[in-house]
Amino acid sequence: MVIGASIAGLSAAKVLSDFYTQVTVFERDELPGEPASRAAVPQDRHLHMLMARGANEFESLFPGLLNDMVAAGVPMLENRPDCIHLGAAGHVLGTGHTLRDEFTAYVPSRPHLEWQLRRRVLELANVEIVQRPVAEPRFEPATQRVTGVLLDPETPGQDPEFVPADLVVDAAGRGTRLPVWLTQWGYQRAPETTVDIGINYATHRFRMPEGLIQEKVVVAGASHDQPLGLGMLYYEDRTWVLTTFGVGHTKPPRTFPDMLGLAKEMLPDHFNAALAQSEPVGDPSYHAFPVSRWRRYHKVERFPGGIIPFGDAVASFNPTFGQGMTMTSLQARNLRQALQTPDVDLATELSRLTAKTTFPVWMMNAIGDVTFHHAVADPEPRWYRAAGGLFDQFLGAAETNPVLGEWFLRRFSLLDSLYMVPTPSILGRTIAHNMRLWVGEKRERRLARRAVTSRP
């Protein structure tokens, strides 16, 4: 049984369908029969990025997904760095005209990806999606297990309906009530690690004449000296989405003309020439993301049987890094591995695997937020800021070195490794690159001084 039919809930249901006779997904929201935003997912109106690693993981979970998305009009960027403009922490990274290694990116909107997954789950013979809100799980103190869920009554005044289950997956997202339930059942809450990032963002869809720009993914992230950033993606319905955001509780521009004004400050001229010919579609949307949160269930000593947390109920990441959906796909892989591991406690094993995939991405996000976005991490290791300063030097070198730019693009997409820690060869290339720049700048200053002193 799964609580929530979001991307996380659907992914969990697909994995469970291979291990259980019957899987039921309970969702409080009305689910559209076509790609469309949902009232219970206000963030789906804003820019979402599917990292290359996430695309691979979802394809493994739902074979044929990527081809079907492309057939539906989802842009596919195959070894095409000219289709990506990536600005990170004040640096615009270059990769040259070709990539040495295979790199394919897909650009679905969040509603489209969720719809693609949902229709596949609905085709599974042993999975059912029911539109009913879950009140709470039923916990049996005698066995220290969750034995099912209580559904809110359909008619006021009736008793909650009990639905038994061997396993309950809490995929209710950031609003999970599992920490409260654990306390009620006599367990301790999981310790939490947080990053107070204070993100506010605004989004507007728009149309732009075809062929004005090559890029389909445009990102200009916030930096230490610029608390505002933006992202612009081209989606499957031939519309664009423009999201502006502010970190450190900074308010972004909220009207389409003001959003274009920020783009004029942060993007090269050819983007703004194209944006001048754009037309807004619909109304703007607004959202806030105050805190990134990791509930570290792998740290708890006691945990009830029959229930596991999943998706954002475990970890919710800074959305401006665009890694949330991909991290959900990795949790789905972890769930399958845990279910396939004999003679282990499912919750313990899943928490261990999820911590292993969460830690490196959480660490680099936290370092970036603390260093460049004036965020407050709790706890905040002393070495975070020093590591961030070194990474700033790497990003500076990656602006003009295509090998470093490609390394960052692939690691940022979580392809080669979840750890964004440069290898010795990459470090050596960075140092050599920055030394050449330093020597060149020193020579230019020396020549400039000679020119001044030689004037009559």
Protein backbone atom coordinates (compact mmCIF):
# COMPACT_ATOMS: atom_id res chain seq x y z
CA MET A 1 0.00 0.00 0.00
CA VAL A 2 1.30 3.46 -0.94
CA ILE A 3 0.25 6.84 0.47
CA GLY A 4 0.45 9.40 -2.36
CA ALA A 5 0.40 9.09 -6.17
CA SER A 6 3.17 11.53 -6.87
CA ILE A 7 6.27 10.56 -8.85
CA ALA A 8 7.63 8.96 -5.68
CA GLY A 9 4.45 7.04 -4.95
CA LEU A 10 4.12 5.82 -8.53
CA SER A 11 7.75 4.68 -8.59
CA ALA A 12 7.30 2.82 -5.30
CA ALA A 13 4.12 1.17 -6.61
CA LYS A 14 5.92 -0.06 -9.71
CA VAL A 15 8.69 -1.64 -7.61
CA LEU A 16 6.21 -3.20 -5.16
CA SER A 17 4.17 -4.68 -8.00
CA ASP A 18 7.01 -7.12 -8.66
CA PHE A 19 6.99 -8.38 -5.06
CA TYR A 20 3.38 -8.20 -3.82
CA THR A 21 0.16 -9.73 -5.12
CA GLN A 22 -1.82 -6.50 -4.84
CA VAL A 23 -0.68 -2.89 -4.51
CA THR A 24 -3.08 -0.02 -3.74
CA VAL A 25 -2.11 3.62 -4.06
CA PHE A 26 -4.24 6.11 -2.13
CA GLU A 27 -4.25 9.70 -3.38
CA ARG A 28 -6.32 12.55 -1.96
CA ASP A 29 -6.13 14.64 -5.14
CA GLU A 30 -8.15 14.18 -8.32
CA LEU A 31 -5.83 12.73 -10.93
CA PRO A 32 -6.16 14.14 -14.47
CA GLY A 33 -6.33 11.82 -17.46
CA GLU A 34 -3.82 13.91 -19.37
CA PRO A 35 -0.67 15.86 -18.51
CA ALA A 36 -1.88 18.66 -16.24
CA SER A 37 -0.93 20.39 -13.01
CA ARG A 38 -2.53 19.13 -9.80
CA ALA A 39 -3.86 21.10 -6.86
CA ALA A 40 -1.94 18.91 -4.38
CA VAL A 41 1.36 19.50 -6.19
CA PRO A 42 1.68 23.30 -6.42
CA GLN A 43 5.38 23.06 -7.24
CA ASP A 44 4.65 21.19 -10.50
CA ARG A 45 3.82 24.50 -12.17
CA HIS A 46 7.43 25.55 -11.80
CA LEU A 47 10.58 24.54 -13.59
CA HIS A 48 11.63 20.92 -13.07
CA MET A 49 14.70 19.28 -14.53
CA LEU A 50 15.11 15.56 -15.18
CA MET A 51 18.79 14.82 -14.79
CA ALA A 52 20.41 12.39 -17.24
CA ARG A 53 20.85 9.85 -14.43
CA GLY A 54 17.18 10.17 -13.53
CA ALA A 55 16.15 9.53 -17.13
CA ASN A 56 18.22 6.35 -17.16
CA GLU A 57 16.79 5.18 -13.82
CA PHE A 58 13.17 5.82 -14.81
CA GLU A 59 13.74 4.02 -18.12
CA SER A 60 15.05 1.02 -16.20
CA LEU A 61 11.96 1.10 -13.97
CA PHE A 62 9.47 1.82 -16.78
CA PRO A 63 10.90 0.35 -20.03
CA GLY A 64 9.93 2.33 -23.12
CA LEU A 65 9.33 5.54 -21.17
CA LEU A 66 11.96 7.66 -22.90
CA ASN A 67 10.90 6.70 -26.43
CA ASP A 68 7.27 7.43 -25.57
CA MET A 69 8.22 10.83 -24.15
CA VAL A 70 10.14 11.73 -27.30
CA ALA A 71 7.18 10.57 -29.43
CA ALA A 72 4.99 12.90 -27.37
CA GLY A 73 7.25 15.84 -28.19
CA VAL A 74 9.60 15.89 -25.20
CA PRO A 75 12.90 17.44 -26.34
CA MET A 76 15.86 15.05 -26.39
CA LEU A 77 19.32 16.61 -26.27
CA GLU A 78 21.86 14.06 -27.48
CA ASN A 79 25.52 15.07 -27.19
CA ARG A 80 24.39 18.62 -27.87
CA PRO A 81 26.09 21.05 -25.49
CA ASP A 82 24.94 23.91 -27.72
CA CYS A 83 21.41 23.16 -26.44
CA ILE A 84 22.43 23.84 -22.84
CA HIS A 85 23.40 27.15 -21.23
CA LEU A 86 24.59 26.42 -17.71
CA GLY A 87 25.40 29.17 -15.26
CA ALA A 88 26.49 27.99 -11.81
CA ALA A 89 27.36 30.26 -8.89
CA GLY A 90 28.20 33.18 -11.17
CA HIS A 91 30.18 31.10 -13.70
CA VAL A 92 29.01 30.19 -17.20
CA LEU A 93 30.47 26.80 -18.01
CA GLY A 94 31.69 25.84 -21.44
CA THR A 95 31.97 22.35 -22.91
CA GLY A 96 33.02 23.14 -26.48
CA HIS A 97 31.04 22.00 -29.50
CA THR A 98 31.10 18.25 -28.83
CA LEU A 99 31.11 16.02 -25.78
CA ARG A 100 33.70 13.29 -25.50
CA ASP A 101 31.32 10.90 -23.72
CA GLU A 102 27.74 10.01 -24.50
CA PHE A 103 25.33 12.43 -22.87
CA THR A 104 21.59 12.45 -23.52
CA ALA A 105 19.17 14.71 -21.70
CA TYR A 106 15.37 14.76 -21.79
CA VAL A 107 13.26 17.80 -20.96
CA PRO A 108 9.73 16.78 -19.88
CA SER A 109 7.55 19.03 -17.78
CA ARG A 110 6.77 17.68 -14.31
CA PRO A 111 3.06 17.10 -15.15
CA HIS A 112 4.02 15.23 -18.33
CA LEU A 113 6.51 12.94 -16.60
CA GLU A 114 4.05 12.19 -13.81
CA TRP A 115 1.32 11.43 -16.36
CA GLN A 116 3.63 9.09 -18.27
CA LEU A 117 4.44 7.19 -15.08
CA ARG A 118 0.83 7.16 -13.89
CA ARG A 119 -0.56 5.64 -17.07
CA ARG A 120 2.07 2.90 -16.90
CA VAL A 121 1.22 2.12 -13.30
CA LEU A 122 -2.49 2.00 -14.18
CA GLU A 123 -1.70 -0.64 -16.80
CA LEU A 124 -0.28 -2.97 -14.14
CA ALA A 125 -2.78 -5.74 -13.41
CA ASN A 126 -2.03 -5.86 -9.69
CA VAL A 127 -1.95 -2.12 -8.97
CA GLU A 128 -4.93 0.11 -8.22
CA ILE A 129 -4.99 3.87 -7.65
CA VAL A 130 -7.82 5.00 -5.37
CA GLN A 131 -8.80 8.61 -4.81
CA ARG A 132 -9.24 8.58 -1.02
CA PRO A 133 -7.30 10.49 1.64
CA VAL A 134 -5.49 8.47 4.28
CA ALA A 135 -6.15 9.62 7.85
CA GLU A 136 -3.35 7.63 9.46
CA PRO A 137 -1.80 4.17 9.58
CA ARG A 138 -3.06 1.68 12.14
CA PHE A 139 -0.34 0.68 14.58
CA GLU A 140 -0.63 -2.43 16.75
CA PRO A 141 1.32 -2.01 20.02
CA ALA A 142 1.32 -5.75 20.70
CA THR A 143 3.28 -6.53 17.54
CA GLN A 144 4.95 -3.13 17.11
CA ARG A 145 3.78 -3.12 13.50
CA VAL A 146 1.66 -1.06 11.18
CA THR A 147 -1.09 -3.31 9.86
CA GLY A 148 -2.77 -1.00 7.35
CA VAL A 149 -4.33 2.44 7.10
CA LEU A 150 -7.46 4.25 8.18
CA LEU A 151 -9.17 6.20 5.41
CA ASP A 152 -11.12 9.38 6.01
CA PRO A 153 -14.83 8.54 5.89
CA GLU A 154 -16.60 9.33 2.64
CA THR A 155 -19.67 10.50 4.58
CA PRO A 156 -19.36 12.84 7.60
CA GLY A 157 -20.10 11.11 10.85
CA GLN A 158 -18.99 7.66 9.73
CA ASP A 159 -16.07 5.83 11.28
CA PRO A 160 -12.78 5.73 9.36
CA GLU A 161 -12.47 2.74 7.05
CA PHE A 162 -9.68 0.31 7.84
CA VAL A 163 -7.74 -1.20 4.94
CA PRO A 164 -5.24 -3.92 5.93
CA ALA A 165 -1.79 -4.09 4.37
CA ASP A 166 1.43 -6.04 4.80
CA LEU A 167 3.46 -2.90 4.04
CA VAL A 168 2.64 0.82 3.98
CA VAL A 169 4.87 3.17 1.99
CA ASP A 170 4.70 6.80 3.11
CA ALA A 171 5.21 8.78 -0.10
CA ALA A 172 3.24 11.79 1.15
CA GLY A 173 6.08 14.19 0.37
CA ARG A 174 7.44 17.04 2.47
CA GLY A 175 4.13 17.18 4.36
CA THR A 176 4.59 13.67 5.75
CA ARG A 177 3.15 13.09 9.22
CA LEU A 178 5.33 10.06 9.91
CA PRO A 179 7.45 11.91 12.49
CA VAL A 180 4.26 12.72 14.42
CA TRP A 181 2.98 9.16 14.15
CA LEU A 182 6.29 7.77 15.38
CA THR A 183 6.01 9.91 18.51
CA GLN A 184 2.43 8.74 19.07
CA TRP A 185 3.54 5.12 18.79
CA GLY A 186 6.32 5.54 21.34
CA TYR A 187 9.27 5.88 18.93
CA GLN A 188 11.77 8.67 18.56
CA ARG A 189 11.72 10.93 15.54
CA ALA A 190 14.56 10.57 13.11
CA PRO A 191 17.30 13.19 13.60
CA GLU A 192 17.12 15.88 10.95
CA THR A 193 19.72 17.79 8.97
CA THR A 194 18.47 21.04 7.49
CA VAL A 195 19.64 23.88 5.28
CA ASP A 196 17.71 27.13 5.68
CA ILE A 197 17.84 28.29 2.08
CA GLY A 198 14.74 30.50 1.98
CA ILE A 199 13.83 30.11 -1.70
CA ASN A 200 10.99 32.05 -3.25
CA TYR A 201 10.17 31.55 -6.89
CA ALA A 202 7.81 32.73 -9.59
CA THR A 203 7.04 31.06 -12.89
CA HIS A 204 5.40 32.07 -16.15
CA ARG A 205 4.84 30.01 -19.27
CA PHE A 206 5.35 31.66 -22.61
CA ARG A 207 5.59 31.01 -26.32
CA MET A 208 8.45 32.05 -28.53
CA PRO A 209 8.86 31.69 -32.32
CA GLU A 210 10.70 28.51 -33.26
CA GLY A 211 14.36 28.64 -34.24
CA LEU A 212 15.37 31.85 -32.49
CA ILE A 213 17.75 30.08 -30.12
CA GLN A 214 19.45 26.66 -30.11
CA GLU A 215 19.34 26.18 -26.34
CA LYS A 216 16.52 24.17 -24.76
CA VAL A 217 17.89 24.26 -21.20
CA VAL A 218 18.93 27.65 -19.82
CA VAL A 219 20.10 28.06 -16.23
CA ALA A 220 21.61 31.12 -14.56
CA GLY A 221 22.00 30.22 -10.91
CA ALA A 222 22.25 32.54 -7.96
CA SER A 223 25.70 33.37 -6.63
CA HIS A 224 27.36 34.86 -3.58
CA ASP A 225 26.88 38.39 -4.92
CA GLN A 226 23.60 37.82 -6.77
CA PRO A 227 20.74 36.30 -4.72
CA LEU A 228 18.51 36.00 -7.79
CA GLY A 229 18.60 33.34 -10.47
CA LEU A 230 16.49 31.94 -13.26
CA GLY A 231 15.83 28.85 -15.32
CA MET A 232 14.19 28.51 -18.72
CA LEU A 233 13.17 25.20 -20.33
CA TYR A 234 11.48 24.24 -23.59
CA TYR A 235 8.77 21.64 -23.00
CA GLU A 236 6.86 19.04 -24.97
CA ASP A 237 3.87 21.27 -25.80
CA ARG A 238 6.12 23.80 -27.56
CA THR A 239 5.82 26.24 -24.70
CA TRP A 240 8.61 27.55 -22.56
CA VAL A 241 8.64 27.94 -18.81
CA LEU A 242 10.58 30.75 -17.14
CA THR A 243 11.19 30.48 -13.41
CA THR A 244 12.87 33.25 -11.46
CA PHE A 245 13.94 32.61 -7.89
CA GLY A 246 15.57 34.28 -4.94
CA VAL A 247 17.66 32.63 -2.24
CA GLY A 248 18.19 33.83 1.31
CA HIS A 249 14.52 34.91 1.46
CA THR A 250 15.00 37.33 -1.46
CA LYS A 251 11.84 37.95 -3.47
CA PRO A 252 12.18 37.33 -7.23
CA PRO A 253 10.44 39.37 -9.94
CA ARG A 254 6.79 38.33 -10.12
CA THR A 255 5.50 39.78 -13.39
CA PHE A 256 6.51 38.61 -16.84
CA PRO A 257 8.04 41.96 -17.87
CA ASP A 258 10.05 42.05 -14.65
CA MET A 259 11.17 38.45 -15.20
CA LEU A 260 12.42 39.44 -18.64
CA GLY A 261 14.22 42.32 -16.98
CA LEU A 262 16.14 39.86 -14.78
CA ALA A 263 16.92 37.75 -17.84
CA LYS A 264 18.37 40.85 -19.47
CA GLU A 265 20.77 41.20 -16.54
CA MET A 266 21.79 37.54 -16.34
CA LEU A 267 21.71 36.10 -19.88
CA PRO A 268 23.68 36.80 -23.06
CA ASP A 269 22.17 39.17 -25.61
CA HIS A 270 20.91 36.52 -28.04
CA PHE A 271 18.52 35.17 -25.38
CA ASN A 272 17.07 38.57 -24.73
CA ALA A 273 16.63 39.30 -28.42
CA ALA A 274 14.58 36.09 -28.63
CA LEU A 275 12.66 36.78 -25.42
CA ALA A 276 11.65 40.17 -26.79
CA GLN A 277 9.50 38.25 -29.30
CA SER A 278 7.85 36.02 -26.68
CA GLU A 279 4.26 36.11 -25.48
CA PRO A 280 3.17 35.04 -21.98
CA VAL A 281 0.66 32.21 -21.59
CA GLY A 282 -1.76 32.16 -18.66
CA ASP A 283 -1.01 33.59 -15.24
CA PRO A 284 2.16 33.45 -13.15
CA SER A 285 2.56 30.95 -10.31
CA TYR A 286 4.36 31.45 -7.02
CA HIS A 287 5.85 29.10 -4.49
CA ALA A 288 8.21 29.06 -1.53
CA PHE A 289 10.70 26.47 -0.33
CA PRO A 290 12.05 27.56 3.04
CA VAL A 291 14.20 24.62 4.14
CA SER A 292 15.93 21.60 2.63
CA ARG A 293 15.41 18.70 5.02
CA TRP A 294 16.91 15.24 5.41
CA ARG A 295 15.23 12.96 7.91
CA ARG A 296 18.00 10.54 8.71
CA TYR A 297 16.05 7.36 9.37
CA HIS A 298 19.23 5.33 9.13
CA LYS A 299 20.21 6.84 12.50
CA VAL A 300 17.20 5.56 14.48
CA GLU A 301 17.70 2.53 16.71
CA ARG A 302 14.06 1.39 16.78
CA PHE A 303 11.54 1.57 13.97
CA PRO A 304 8.10 -0.02 13.66
CA GLY A 305 7.53 -2.83 11.23
CA GLY A 306 5.18 -2.61 8.28
CA ILE A 307 5.92 0.96 7.21
CA ILE A 308 8.70 2.75 5.32
CA PRO A 309 9.26 6.41 4.35
CA PHE A 310 9.96 7.21 0.70
CA GLY A 311 10.73 10.17 -1.57
CA ASP A 312 10.53 13.68 -0.14
CA ALA A 313 9.27 12.16 3.09
CA VAL A 314 12.93 11.26 3.62
CA ALA A 315 14.86 14.05 1.90
CA SER A 316 13.78 17.20 0.08
CA PHE A 317 16.53 19.02 -1.83
CA ASN A 318 17.03 22.61 -2.94
CA PRO A 319 14.76 22.66 -6.02
CA THR A 320 16.95 25.15 -7.90
CA PHE A 321 19.54 22.36 -8.34
CA GLY A 322 16.92 20.31 -10.18
CA GLN A 323 17.88 16.96 -8.63
CA GLY A 324 14.72 16.01 -6.73
CA MET A 325 13.08 13.74 -9.33
CA THR A 326 16.37 12.00 -10.01
CA MET A 327 16.91 11.34 -6.31
CA THR A 328 13.45 9.76 -6.21
CA SER A 329 14.45 7.43 -9.04
CA LEU A 330 17.50 6.38 -7.02
CA GLN A 331 15.29 5.63 -4.02
CA ALA A 332 13.21 3.37 -6.26
CA ARG A 333 16.36 1.46 -7.15
CA ASN A 334 17.20 1.26 -3.43
CA LEU A 335 13.73 -0.10 -2.64
CA ARG A 336 14.09 -2.85 -5.23
CA GLN A 337 17.52 -3.78 -3.89
CA ALA A 338 16.23 -3.87 -0.31
CA LEU A 339 13.28 -6.09 -1.28
CA GLN A 340 15.66 -8.44 -3.08
CA THR A 341 18.00 -8.73 -0.08
CA PRO A 342 17.10 -11.82 1.97
CA ASP A 343 16.86 -11.93 5.74
CA VAL A 344 17.08 -8.18 6.40
CA ASP A 345 14.70 -5.74 8.02
CA LEU A 346 13.22 -3.82 5.07
CA ALA A 347 13.05 -0.41 6.74
CA THR A 348 16.60 -0.69 8.07
CA GLU A 349 18.07 -1.83 4.76
CA LEU A 350 16.19 0.76 2.71
CA SER A 351 17.24 3.54 5.09
CA ARG A 352 20.86 2.41 4.84
CA LEU A 353 20.83 2.36 1.04
CA THR A 354 19.01 5.68 0.80
CA ALA A 355 21.49 7.32 3.16
CA LYS A 356 24.30 6.08 0.93
CA THR A 357 22.82 7.74 -2.16
CA THR A 358 21.57 10.83 -0.32
CA PHE A 359 24.75 11.82 1.52
CA PRO A 360 26.99 12.88 -1.41
CA VAL A 361 24.27 14.92 -3.14
CA TRP A 362 23.09 16.48 0.11
CA MET A 363 26.67 17.38 1.06
CA MET A 364 27.44 19.16 -2.21
CA ASN A 365 24.10 20.97 -2.20
CA ALA A 366 24.69 22.13 1.35
CA ILE A 367 28.22 23.32 0.54
CA GLY A 368 26.89 25.24 -2.46
CA ASP A 369 24.03 26.78 -0.48
CA VAL A 370 26.25 27.82 2.43
CA THR A 371 29.02 29.16 0.20
CA PHE A 372 27.04 30.87 -2.55
CA HIS A 373 23.48 31.32 -1.29
CA HIS A 374 23.96 32.67 2.26
CA ALA A 375 22.15 29.63 3.66
CA VAL A 376 22.43 28.31 7.19
CA ALA A 377 23.07 24.58 7.56
CA ASP A 378 22.27 22.70 10.76
CA PRO A 379 24.72 21.23 11.46
CA GLU A 380 27.36 23.08 9.46
CA PRO A 381 30.80 21.45 9.42
CA ARG A 382 33.63 23.98 9.49
CA TRP A 383 35.12 22.69 6.25
CA TYR A 384 31.99 23.49 4.19
CA ARG A 385 33.03 27.05 3.38
CA ALA A 386 36.65 26.12 2.63
CA ALA A 387 35.45 23.37 0.27
CA GLY A 388 33.08 25.84 -1.35
CA GLY A 389 35.90 28.30 -1.96
CA LEU A 390 37.97 25.61 -3.68
CA PHE A 391 35.02 24.59 -5.79
CA ASP A 392 34.53 28.21 -6.81
CA GLN A 393 38.06 28.11 -8.25
CA PHE A 394 37.17 24.93 -10.13
CA LEU A 395 34.05 26.56 -11.60
CA GLY A 396 36.14 29.52 -12.68
CA ALA A 397 38.46 27.19 -14.60
CA ALA A 398 35.51 25.27 -16.07
CA GLU A 399 34.26 28.45 -17.73
CA THR A 400 36.91 28.18 -20.45
CA ASN A 401 38.16 24.60 -20.16
CA PRO A 402 35.80 22.22 -22.00
CA VAL A 403 37.10 19.11 -20.22
CA LEU A 404 36.31 20.62 -16.83
CA GLY A 405 32.99 21.91 -18.12
CA GLU A 406 32.00 18.43 -19.32
CA TRP A 407 33.12 16.87 -16.03
CA PHE A 408 30.87 19.29 -14.14
CA LEU A 409 27.92 18.73 -16.48
CA ARG A 410 28.11 14.95 -16.08
CA ARG A 411 28.60 15.05 -12.31
CA PHE A 412 25.88 17.68 -11.87
CA SER A 413 23.60 15.31 -13.82
CA LEU A 414 24.65 12.53 -11.38
CA LEU A 415 25.84 10.35 -14.27
CA ASP A 416 29.38 9.29 -13.46
CA SER A 417 29.18 9.51 -9.70
CA LEU A 418 26.99 10.98 -6.99
CA TYR A 419 30.11 12.59 -5.51
CA MET A 420 31.11 15.89 -7.05
CA VAL A 421 34.68 15.51 -5.81
CA PRO A 422 37.31 16.16 -8.51
CA THR A 423 39.69 13.32 -9.30
CA PRO A 424 43.45 13.96 -9.10
CA SER A 425 43.62 14.41 -12.88
CA ILE A 426 40.75 16.91 -12.82
CA LEU A 427 42.38 18.75 -9.90
CA GLY A 428 45.67 18.84 -11.78
CA ARG A 429 43.97 20.22 -14.88
CA THR A 430 42.23 22.86 -12.77
CA ILE A 431 45.45 23.97 -11.08
CA ALA A 432 47.35 24.06 -14.39
CA HIS A 433 44.56 26.04 -16.04
CA ASN A 434 44.35 28.60 -13.24
CA MET A 435 48.17 28.89 -13.13
CA ARG A 436 48.24 29.68 -16.85
CA LEU A 437 45.60 32.33 -16.34
CA TRP A 438 47.50 33.78 -13.37
CA VAL A 439 50.78 33.87 -15.32
CA GLY A 440 49.03 35.43 -18.31
CA GLU A 441 47.38 38.11 -16.19
CA LYS A 442 50.69 38.84 -14.46
CA ARG A 443 52.44 39.20 -17.84
CA GLU A 444 49.71 41.54 -19.09
CA ARG A 445 50.03 43.74 -16.00
CA ARG A 446 53.81 43.85 -16.43
CA LEU A 447 53.49 44.82 -20.10
CA ALA A 448 50.94 47.46 -19.18
CA ARG A 449 53.31 48.99 -16.62
CA ARG A 450 56.13 49.02 -19.20
CA ALA A 451 53.86 50.75 -21.68
CA VAL A 452 53.06 53.44 -19.14
CA THR A 453 56.67 54.05 -18.14
CA SER A 454 57.87 54.19 -21.76
CA ARG A 455 55.54 57.02 -22.71
CA PRO A 456 57.40 60.32 -23.46
